[in-house]
PDB file of N, CA and C in Angstrom:
ATOM      1  N   MET A   1       0.891  -1.093   0.000  1.00  0.00           N
ATOM      2  CA  MET A   1       0.106   0.342  -0.249  1.00  0.00           C
ATOM      3  C   MET A   1       0.741   1.146  -0.383  1.00  0.00           C
ATOM      4  N   SER A   2       0.506   2.278  -0.972  1.00  0.00           N
ATOM      5  CA  SER A   2       1.656   3.173  -1.011  1.00  0.00           C
ATOM      6  C   SER A   2       1.039   4.345   0.136  1.00  0.00           C
ATOM      7  N   LYS A   3       1.497   5.267   0.402  1.00  0.00           N
ATOM      8  CA  LYS A   3       1.798   6.638   0.720  1.00  0.00           C
ATOM      9  C   LYS A   3       1.153   7.353  -0.051  1.00  0.00           C
ATOM     10  N   GLN A   4       0.345   8.305   0.515  1.00  0.00           N
ATOM     11  CA  GLN A   4      -0.140   9.449  -0.485  1.00  0.00           C
ATOM     12  C   GLN A   4      -0.049  10.612   0.550  1.00  0.00           C
ATOM     13  N   ALA A   5       0.906  11.721  -0.528  1.00  0.00           N
ATOM     14  CA  ALA A   5       1.090  13.403   0.228  1.00  0.00           C
ATOM     15  C   ALA A   5      -0.416  13.850   0.336  1.00  0.00           C
ATOM     16  N   ASN A   6      -0.317  13.978   1.831  1.00  0.00           N
ATOM     17  CA  ASN A   6      -1.404  14.661   2.224  1.00  0.00           C
ATOM     18  C   ASN A   6      -1.553  16.523   2.199  1.00  0.00           C
ATOM     19  N   HIS A   7      -2.371  16.767   0.894  1.00  0.00           N
ATOM     20  CA  HIS A   7      -2.051  18.025   0.430  1.00  0.00           C
ATOM     21  C   HIS A   7      -3.262  19.096   1.064  1.00  0.00           C
ATOM     22  N   GLN A   8      -3.521  19.043   2.018  1.00  0.00           N
ATOM     23  CA  GLN A   8      -4.755  19.358   2.944  1.00  0.00           C
ATOM     24  C   GLN A   8      -4.475  21.037   2.775  1.00  0.00           C
ATOM     25  N   ARG A   9      -5.136  22.017   2.925  1.00  0.00           N
ATOM     26  CA  ARG A   9      -4.801  23.612   3.159  1.00  0.00           C
ATOM     27  C   ARG A   9      -5.721  23.712   4.259  1.00  0.00           C
ATOM     28  N   PHE A  10      -4.685  24.915   4.765  1.00  0.00           N
ATOM     29  CA  PHE A  10      -5.653  25.313   6.130  1.00  0.00           C
ATOM     30  C   PHE A  10      -5.570  27.078   6.016  1.00  0.00           C
ATOM     31  N   PRO A  11      -6.721  27.648   6.774  1.00  0.00           N
ATOM     32  CA  PRO A  11      -6.668  29.104   6.020  1.00  0.00           C
ATOM     33  C   PRO A  11      -5.375  29.810   7.553  1.00  0.00           C
ATOM     34  N   LEU A  12      -4.367  30.609   7.334  1.00  0.00           N
ATOM     35  CA  LEU A  12      -3.389  31.535   8.134  1.00  0.00           C
ATOM     36  C   LEU A  12      -4.323  32.917   8.379  1.00  0.00           C
ATOM     37  N   CYS A  13      -4.640  33.026   9.212  1.00  0.00           N
ATOM     38  CA  CYS A  13      -5.405  34.515   9.746  1.00  0.00           C
ATOM     39  C   CYS A  13      -4.499  35.512   9.822  1.00  0.00           C
ATOM     40  N   PHE A  14      -4.775  36.957   9.801  1.00  0.00           N
ATOM     41  CA  PHE A  14      -4.348  37.829  10.190  1.00  0.00           C
ATOM     42  C   PHE A  14      -4.844  38.707  10.811  1.00  0.00           C
ATOM     43  N   ASN A  15      -4.489  38.778  12.641  1.00  0.00           N
ATOM     44  CA  ASN A  15      -5.617  40.187  12.858  1.00  0.00           C
ATOM     45  C   ASN A  15      -4.398  41.203  13.423  1.00  0.00           C
ATOM     46  N   GLY A  16      -5.315  42.391  13.424  1.00  0.00           N
ATOM     47  CA  GLY A  16      -4.606  44.029  13.290  1.00  0.00           C
ATOM     48  C   GLY A  16      -3.296  44.130  12.288  1.00  0.00           C
ATOM     49  N   GLY A  17      -3.018  45.410  12.346  1.00  0.00           N
ATOM     50  CA  GLY A  17      -1.975  46.210  11.622  1.00  0.00           C
ATOM     51  C   GLY A  17      -2.584  46.146   9.819  1.00  0.00           C
ATOM     52  N   PRO A  18      -1.655  46.292   9.026  1.00  0.00           N
ATOM     53  CA  PRO A  18      -1.937  46.487   7.627  1.00  0.00           C
ATOM     54  C   PRO A  18      -3.004  45.370   7.064  1.00  0.00           C
ATOM     55  N   LEU A  19      -2.674  43.927   7.844  1.00  0.00           N
ATOM     56  CA  LEU A  19      -3.038  42.933   7.025  1.00  0.00           C
ATOM     57  C   LEU A  19      -3.974  42.386   7.986  1.00  0.00           C
ATOM     58  N   ASP A  20      -5.064  43.202   8.624  1.00  0.00           N
ATOM     59  CA  ASP A  20      -6.286  42.838   9.174  1.00  0.00           C
ATOM     60  C   ASP A  20      -7.574  42.192   8.657  1.00  0.00           C
ATOM     61  N   GLY A  21      -7.409  41.080   9.101  1.00  0.00           N
ATOM     62  CA  GLY A  21      -8.773  40.643   8.200  1.00  0.00           C
ATOM     63  C   GLY A  21      -8.514  39.641   7.117  1.00  0.00           C
ATOM     64  N   TYR A  22      -7.151  39.686   6.790  1.00  0.00           N
ATOM     65  CA  TYR A  22      -6.502  39.107   5.475  1.00  0.00           C
ATOM     66  C   TYR A  22      -6.295  37.513   5.638  1.00  0.00           C
ATOM     67  N   VAL A  23      -6.619  36.844   4.817  1.00  0.00           N
ATOM     68  CA  VAL A  23      -6.741  35.038   4.781  1.00  0.00           C
ATOM     69  C   VAL A  23      -6.135  34.388   4.027  1.00  0.00           C
ATOM     70  N   GLU A  24      -5.145  34.255   4.332  1.00  0.00           N
ATOM     71  CA  GLU A  24      -4.046  33.172   3.167  1.00  0.00           C
ATOM     72  C   GLU A  24      -4.552  31.768   3.310  1.00  0.00           C
ATOM     73  N   GLU A  25      -4.649  31.010   2.396  1.00  0.00           N
ATOM     74  CA  GLU A  25      -4.548  29.450   2.327  1.00  0.00           C
ATOM     75  C   GLU A  25      -3.324  28.656   2.392  1.00  0.00           C
ATOM     76  N   THR A  26      -2.740  27.914   2.992  1.00  0.00           N
ATOM     77  CA  THR A  26      -1.411  27.333   2.916  1.00  0.00           C
ATOM     78  C   THR A  26      -1.548  26.009   3.416  1.00  0.00           C
ATOM     79  N   ASP A  27      -0.284  25.221   2.996  1.00  0.00           N
ATOM     80  CA  ASP A  27      -0.235  23.819   3.386  1.00  0.00           C
ATOM     81  C   ASP A  27       0.453  23.016   4.168  1.00  0.00           C
ATOM     82  N   THR A  28       1.349  24.456   4.659  1.00  0.00           N
ATOM     83  CA  THR A  28       2.850  23.935   5.537  1.00  0.00           C
ATOM     84  C   THR A  28       2.033  23.554   7.101  1.00  0.00           C
ATOM     85  N   PRO A  29       2.690  22.477   7.118  1.00  0.00           N
ATOM     86  CA  PRO A  29       1.934  21.754   8.736  1.00  0.00           C
ATOM     87  C   PRO A  29       2.133  22.808   9.837  1.00  0.00           C
ATOM     88  N   LEU A  30       1.221  22.517  10.617  1.00  0.00           N
ATOM     89  CA  LEU A  30       1.331  23.276  11.973  1.00  0.00           C
ATOM     90  C   LEU A  30       2.300  23.417  12.940  1.00  0.00           C
ATOM     91  N   ASP A  31       3.703  22.358  13.107  1.00  0.00           N
ATOM     92  CA  ASP A  31       4.391  22.668  13.236  1.00  0.00           C
ATOM     93  C   ASP A  31       6.014  23.112  13.091  1.00  0.00           C
ATOM     94  N   GLN A  32       5.236  23.624  11.746  1.00  0.00           N
ATOM     95  CA  GLN A  32       6.544  24.019  11.045  1.00  0.00           C
ATOM     96  C   GLN A  32       5.893  25.179  10.442  1.00  0.00           C
ATOM     97  N   MET A  33       4.826  26.284  11.025  1.00  0.00           N
ATOM     98  CA  MET A  33       4.769  26.699  10.875  1.00  0.00           C
ATOM     99  C   MET A  33       5.759  28.294  12.251  1.00  0.00           C
ATOM    100  N   PRO A  34       6.206  29.374  11.255  1.00  0.00           N
ATOM    101  CA  PRO A  34       7.107  30.265  12.158  1.00  0.00           C
ATOM    102  C   PRO A  34       6.388  31.130  13.606  1.00  0.00           C
ATOM    103  N   GLU A  35       7.047  31.418  14.641  1.00  0.00           N
ATOM    104  CA  GLU A  35       6.267  32.106  15.595  1.00  0.00           C
ATOM    105  C   GLU A  35       6.062  33.298  15.231  1.00  0.00           C
ATOM    106  N   VAL A  36       6.973  34.050  14.652  1.00  0.00           N
ATOM    107  CA  VAL A  36       6.405  35.381  14.066  1.00  0.00           C
ATOM    108  C   VAL A  36       7.212  35.915  12.552  1.00  0.00           C
ATOM    109  N   LEU A  37       6.401  36.275  11.842  1.00  0.00           N
ATOM    110  CA  LEU A  37       6.468  36.349  10.734  1.00  0.00           C
ATOM    111  C   LEU A  37       6.806  37.996  10.337  1.00  0.00           C
ATOM    112  N   GLY A  38       7.302  38.267   9.339  1.00  0.00           N
ATOM    113  CA  GLY A  38       7.859  39.429   8.919  1.00  0.00           C
ATOM    114  C   GLY A  38       7.219  39.748   7.603  1.00  0.00           C
ATOM    115  N   VAL A  39       6.591  40.581   7.091  1.00  0.00           N
ATOM    116  CA  VAL A  39       5.661  41.109   6.125  1.00  0.00           C
ATOM    117  C   VAL A  39       6.204  42.039   5.653  1.00  0.00           C
ATOM    118  N   LEU A  40       6.666  42.383   4.088  1.00  0.00           N
ATOM    119  CA  LEU A  40       6.986  44.093   3.476  1.00  0.00           C
ATOM    120  C   LEU A  40       5.800  44.246   3.449  1.00  0.00           C
ATOM    121  N   VAL A  41       5.459  45.521   3.542  1.00  0.00           N
ATOM    122  CA  VAL A  41       3.852  46.313   3.408  1.00  0.00           C
ATOM    123  C   VAL A  41       4.329  47.017   2.466  1.00  0.00           C
ATOM    124  N   SER A  42       3.304  47.787   1.877  1.00  0.00           N
ATOM    125  CA  SER A  42       2.782  48.768   0.604  1.00  0.00           C
ATOM    126  C   SER A  42       1.211  49.001   0.062  1.00  0.00           C
ATOM    127  N   PRO A  43       1.417  49.886   0.301  1.00  0.00           N
ATOM    128  CA  PRO A  43      -0.365  49.839  -0.335  1.00  0.00           C
ATOM    129  C   PRO A  43      -0.506  49.218  -2.047  1.00  0.00           C
ATOM    130  N   VAL A  44       0.608  48.769  -2.866  1.00  0.00           N
ATOM    131  CA  VAL A  44       0.544  48.002  -3.801  1.00  0.00           C
ATOM    132  C   VAL A  44       0.878  46.715  -3.573  1.00  0.00           C
ATOM    133  N   ILE A  45       1.309  46.167  -2.414  1.00  0.00           N
ATOM    134  CA  ILE A  45       1.923  44.750  -1.947  1.00  0.00           C
ATOM    135  C   ILE A  45       0.475  44.387  -1.192  1.00  0.00           C
ATOM    136  N   ILE A  46      -0.489  45.119  -1.001  1.00  0.00           N
ATOM    137  CA  ILE A  46      -2.113  45.010  -0.033  1.00  0.00           C
ATOM    138  C   ILE A  46      -2.510  44.597  -1.232  1.00  0.00           C
ATOM    139  N   GLU A  47      -2.778  45.258  -2.397  1.00  0.00           N
ATOM    140  CA  GLU A  47      -3.745  45.608  -3.483  1.00  0.00           C
ATOM    141  C   GLU A  47      -3.378  44.006  -3.620  1.00  0.00           C
ATOM    142  N   MET A  48      -2.135  43.485  -4.024  1.00  0.00           N
ATOM    143  CA  MET A  48      -1.928  42.411  -4.660  1.00  0.00           C
ATOM    144  C   MET A  48      -2.412  41.102  -3.877  1.00  0.00           C
ATOM    145  N   LEU A  49      -2.138  41.103  -2.353  1.00  0.00           N
ATOM    146  CA  LEU A  49      -2.869  40.520  -1.793  1.00  0.00           C
ATOM    147  C   LEU A  49      -3.951  39.897  -1.925  1.00  0.00           C
ATOM    148  N   THR A  50      -4.906  41.471  -2.081  1.00  0.00           N
ATOM    149  CA  THR A  50      -6.336  40.992  -1.574  1.00  0.00           C
ATOM    150  C   THR A  50      -6.950  41.409  -2.931  1.00  0.00           C
ATOM    151  N   THR A  51      -6.352  41.368  -4.000  1.00  0.00           N
ATOM    152  CA  THR A  51      -7.167  41.316  -5.502  1.00  0.00           C
ATOM    153  C   THR A  51      -6.247  40.108  -6.311  1.00  0.00           C
ATOM    154  N   GLN A  52      -5.005  39.386  -6.001  1.00  0.00           N
ATOM    155  CA  GLN A  52      -4.181  38.630  -6.747  1.00  0.00           C
ATOM    156  C   GLN A  52      -3.559  39.227  -8.196  1.00  0.00           C
ATOM    157  N   ARG A  53      -3.905  40.421  -7.987  1.00  0.00           N
ATOM    158  CA  ARG A  53      -2.931  41.180  -8.820  1.00  0.00           C
ATOM    159  C   ARG A  53      -1.742  40.888  -8.920  1.00  0.00           C
ATOM    160  N   LEU A  54      -0.742  40.798  -9.837  1.00  0.00           N
ATOM    161  CA  LEU A  54       0.487  40.306 -10.128  1.00  0.00           C
ATOM    162  C   LEU A  54       1.345  41.439 -10.234  1.00  0.00           C
ATOM    163  N   GLU A  55       1.644  42.299 -10.714  1.00  0.00           N
ATOM    164  CA  GLU A  55       2.066  43.715 -10.587  1.00  0.00           C
ATOM    165  C   GLU A  55       2.878  44.299  -9.374  1.00  0.00           C
ATOM    166  N   ARG A  56       4.327  44.781  -9.266  1.00  0.00           N
ATOM    167  CA  ARG A  56       4.759  45.193  -7.782  1.00  0.00           C
ATOM    168  C   ARG A  56       5.569  46.586  -8.355  1.00  0.00           C
ATOM    169  N   THR A  57       4.936  47.658  -8.512  1.00  0.00           N
ATOM    170  CA  THR A  57       5.269  49.200  -8.937  1.00  0.00           C
ATOM    171  C   THR A  57       5.743  49.778  -7.843  1.00  0.00           C
ATOM    172  N   MET A  58       5.799  49.301  -6.472  1.00  0.00           N
ATOM    173  CA  MET A  58       6.125  50.402  -5.424  1.00  0.00           C
ATOM    174  C   MET A  58       7.176  49.630  -3.925  1.00  0.00           C
ATOM    175  N   PRO A  59       8.119  50.170  -3.893  1.00  0.00           N
ATOM    176  CA  PRO A  59       8.576  49.471  -2.763  1.00  0.00           C
ATOM    177  C   PRO A  59       8.149  49.752  -1.702  1.00  0.00           C
ATOM    178  N   PRO A  60       8.441  48.542  -0.699  1.00  0.00           N
ATOM    179  CA  PRO A  60       8.097  48.711   0.918  1.00  0.00           C
ATOM    180  C   PRO A  60       8.284  49.769   1.303  1.00  0.00           C
ATOM    181  N   THR A  61       6.695  50.334   2.049  1.00  0.00           N
ATOM    182  CA  THR A  61       6.793  50.779   3.105  1.00  0.00           C
ATOM    183  C   THR A  61       7.320  50.528   4.311  1.00  0.00           C
ATOM    184  N   SER A  62       6.591  49.698   4.467  1.00  0.00           N
ATOM    185  CA  SER A  62       7.771  49.138   5.908  1.00  0.00           C
ATOM    186  C   SER A  62       7.810  47.810   6.434  1.00  0.00           C
ATOM    187  N   LEU A  63       8.297  47.188   7.246  1.00  0.00           N
ATOM    188  CA  LEU A  63       7.733  45.909   7.522  1.00  0.00           C
ATOM    189  C   LEU A  63       7.049  45.714   8.949  1.00  0.00           C
ATOM    190  N   ALA A  64       5.760  45.008   8.781  1.00  0.00           N
ATOM    191  CA  ALA A  64       4.708  44.489   9.574  1.00  0.00           C
ATOM    192  C   ALA A  64       5.276  43.321  10.255  1.00  0.00           C
ATOM    193  N   PHE A  65       5.295  43.234  11.449  1.00  0.00           N
ATOM    194  CA  PHE A  65       5.483  41.634  12.493  1.00  0.00           C
ATOM    195  C   PHE A  65       4.668  41.508  12.992  1.00  0.00           C
ATOM    196  N   TYR A  66       3.965  39.886  12.612  1.00  0.00           N
ATOM    197  CA  TYR A  66       3.210  39.509  13.414  1.00  0.00           C
ATOM    198  C   TYR A  66       3.277  38.194  14.106  1.00  0.00           C
ATOM    199  N   GLN A  67       2.856  37.962  14.869  1.00  0.00           N
ATOM    200  CA  GLN A  67       3.108  36.487  16.414  1.00  0.00           C
ATOM    201  C   GLN A  67       2.435  35.884  15.838  1.00  0.00           C
ATOM    202  N   GLN A  68       2.569  34.623  16.455  1.00  0.00           N
ATOM    203  CA  GLN A  68       1.354  33.075  15.975  1.00  0.00           C
ATOM    204  C   GLN A  68       0.744  33.533  17.235  1.00  0.00           C
ATOM    205  N   GLY A  69      -0.473  33.465  17.561  1.00  0.00           N
ATOM    206  CA  GLY A  69      -1.198  33.713  19.069  1.00  0.00           C
ATOM    207  C   GLY A  69      -0.533  32.408  20.102  1.00  0.00           C
ATOM    208  N   THR A  70      -1.209  31.174  19.249  1.00  0.00           N
ATOM    209  CA  THR A  70      -0.425  30.049  20.176  1.00  0.00           C
ATOM    210  C   THR A  70       0.350  28.908  19.685  1.00  0.00           C
ATOM    211  N   ALA A  71       0.807  27.776  19.828  1.00  0.00           N
ATOM    212  CA  ALA A  71       1.330  26.763  19.071  1.00  0.00           C
ATOM    213  C   ALA A  71       0.082  26.082  18.276  1.00  0.00           C
ATOM    214  N   GLN A  72      -0.861  26.278  18.660  1.00  0.00           N
ATOM    215  CA  GLN A  72      -1.841  25.615  18.126  1.00  0.00           C
ATOM    216  C   GLN A  72      -3.265  25.975  17.182  1.00  0.00           C
ATOM    217  N   ALA A  73      -2.701  27.458  16.807  1.00  0.00           N
ATOM    218  CA  ALA A  73      -3.459  28.487  16.144  1.00  0.00           C
ATOM    219  C   ALA A  73      -2.836  28.757  14.685  1.00  0.00           C
ATOM    220  N   ARG A  74      -3.603  29.091  13.794  1.00  0.00           N
ATOM    221  CA  ARG A  74      -2.890  29.447  12.457  1.00  0.00           C
ATOM    222  C   ARG A  74      -3.173  31.354  13.044  1.00  0.00           C
ATOM    223  N   GLN A  75      -3.335  31.768  13.798  1.00  0.00           N
ATOM    224  CA  GLN A  75      -3.833  33.231  13.724  1.00  0.00           C
ATOM    225  C   GLN A  75      -2.271  34.096  14.406  1.00  0.00           C
ATOM    226  N   TYR A  76      -2.355  35.191  13.235  1.00  0.00           N
ATOM    227  CA  TYR A  76      -1.294  35.857  13.417  1.00  0.00           C
ATOM    228  C   TYR A  76      -1.401  37.048  13.995  1.00  0.00           C
ATOM    229  N   THR A  77      -1.177  37.674  15.199  1.00  0.00           N
ATOM    230  CA  THR A  77      -1.344  39.216  15.703  1.00  0.00           C
ATOM    231  C   THR A  77      -0.665  39.926  15.316  1.00  0.00           C
ATOM    232  N   PHE A  78      -0.744  41.150  14.947  1.00  0.00           N
ATOM    233  CA  PHE A  78       0.367  42.572  14.574  1.00  0.00           C
ATOM    234  C   PHE A  78       0.883  42.645  15.898  1.00  0.00           C
ATOM    235  N   VAL A  79       1.905  42.864  15.836  1.00  0.00           N
ATOM    236  CA  VAL A  79       3.021  43.324  17.361  1.00  0.00           C
ATOM    237  C   VAL A  79       3.588  44.579  17.261  1.00  0.00           C
ATOM    238  N   GLY A  80       3.906  44.893  15.874  1.00  0.00           N
ATOM    239  CA  GLY A  80       4.562  46.093  15.386  1.00  0.00           C
ATOM    240  C   GLY A  80       4.980  46.206  13.917  1.00  0.00           C
ATOM    241  N   SER A  81       5.754  47.512  13.560  1.00  0.00           N
ATOM    242  CA  SER A  81       6.210  47.513  11.957  1.00  0.00           C
ATOM    243  C   SER A  81       7.656  48.085  12.117  1.00  0.00           C
ATOM    244  N   ALA A  82       8.297  48.440  11.765  1.00  0.00           N
ATOM    245  CA  ALA A  82       9.652  48.769  11.035  1.00  0.00           C
ATOM    246  C   ALA A  82       9.587  49.938   9.954  1.00  0.00           C
ATOM    247  N   SER A  83       9.965  50.943   9.782  1.00  0.00           N
ATOM    248  CA  SER A  83      10.387  51.803   9.054  1.00  0.00           C
ATOM    249  C   SER A  83      11.347  51.557   7.799  1.00  0.00           C
ATOM    250  N   PRO A  84      10.841  52.188   6.783  1.00  0.00           N
ATOM    251  CA  PRO A  84      11.665  52.245   5.662  1.00  0.00           C
ATOM    252  C   PRO A  84      12.521  52.087   5.898  1.00  0.00           C
ATOM    253  N   GLU A  85      13.570  53.064   6.380  1.00  0.00           N
ATOM    254  CA  GLU A  85      14.994  52.797   6.472  1.00  0.00           C
ATOM    255  C   GLU A  85      15.443  51.700   7.144  1.00  0.00           C
ATOM    256  N   VAL A  86      14.897  51.124   8.486  1.00  0.00           N
ATOM    257  CA  VAL A  86      15.447  49.921   8.755  1.00  0.00           C
ATOM    258  C   VAL A  86      15.493  48.902   7.738  1.00  0.00           C
ATOM    259  N   ILE A  87      13.965  48.790   6.818  1.00  0.00           N
ATOM    260  CA  ILE A  87      14.343  47.757   5.897  1.00  0.00           C
ATOM    261  C   ILE A  87      15.489  48.222   4.406  1.00  0.00           C
ATOM    262  N   ALA A  88      15.734  49.043   4.286  1.00  0.00           N
ATOM    263  CA  ALA A  88      17.156  49.883   3.478  1.00  0.00           C
ATOM    264  C   ALA A  88      18.290  49.337   4.367  1.00  0.00           C
ATOM    265  N   LEU A  89      18.223  49.278   5.492  1.00  0.00           N
ATOM    266  CA  LEU A  89      19.642  49.250   6.347  1.00  0.00           C
ATOM    267  C   LEU A  89      19.945  47.643   6.234  1.00  0.00           C
ATOM    268  N   ASN A  90      18.984  46.712   6.435  1.00  0.00           N
ATOM    269  CA  ASN A  90      18.993  45.569   6.855  1.00  0.00           C
ATOM    270  C   ASN A  90      19.076  44.404   4.921  1.00  0.00           C
ATOM    271  N   GLY A  91      19.244  45.237   3.954  1.00  0.00           N
ATOM    272  CA  GLY A  91      19.249  44.859   2.715  1.00  0.00           C
ATOM    273  C   GLY A  91      17.864  44.447   2.302  1.00  0.00           C
ATOM    274  N   LEU A  92      16.525  44.703   2.558  1.00  0.00           N
ATOM    275  CA  LEU A  92      15.488  44.387   2.205  1.00  0.00           C
ATOM    276  C   LEU A  92      14.754  45.151   1.092  1.00  0.00           C
ATOM    277  N   SER A  93      15.169  45.890   0.412  1.00  0.00           N
ATOM    278  CA  SER A  93      14.208  47.186  -0.204  1.00  0.00           C
ATOM    279  C   SER A  93      14.605  46.423  -1.842  1.00  0.00           C
ATOM    280  N   ALA A  94      13.050  46.708  -2.268  1.00  0.00           N
ATOM    281  CA  ALA A  94      12.911  46.063  -3.253  1.00  0.00           C
ATOM    282  C   ALA A  94      13.790  46.335  -4.385  1.00  0.00           C
ATOM    283  N   GLY A  95      14.728  47.376  -4.348  1.00  0.00           N
ATOM    284  CA  GLY A  95      15.506  47.209  -5.238  1.00  0.00           C
ATOM    285  C   GLY A  95      17.011  46.450  -5.589  1.00  0.00           C
ATOM    286  N   ARG A  96      16.705  45.396  -4.561  1.00  0.00           N
ATOM    287  CA  ARG A  96      17.717  44.545  -4.183  1.00  0.00           C
ATOM    288  C   ARG A  96      17.386  43.468  -4.898  1.00  0.00           C
TER     289      ARG A  96
END
């Protein structure tokens, strides 16, 4: 009997901050989800996420941080953000 890969997808929910209410589907196992996510944010990136438009014509304006509520949940809560200067200093700017 062969084993078949489980390709079940789960909702990943964002609470607060610039992605408040955004839900992303993921097949990453819960035990492999990071405790903290850093998400580059700009008005264009938010539009890409919410409308599935694939153009990127504006560099990020901030880096938003989301922390997993508990190890048992796929919910991330906004905990803060960094300025564009911090993004550029760490080599994360869109031009690189």
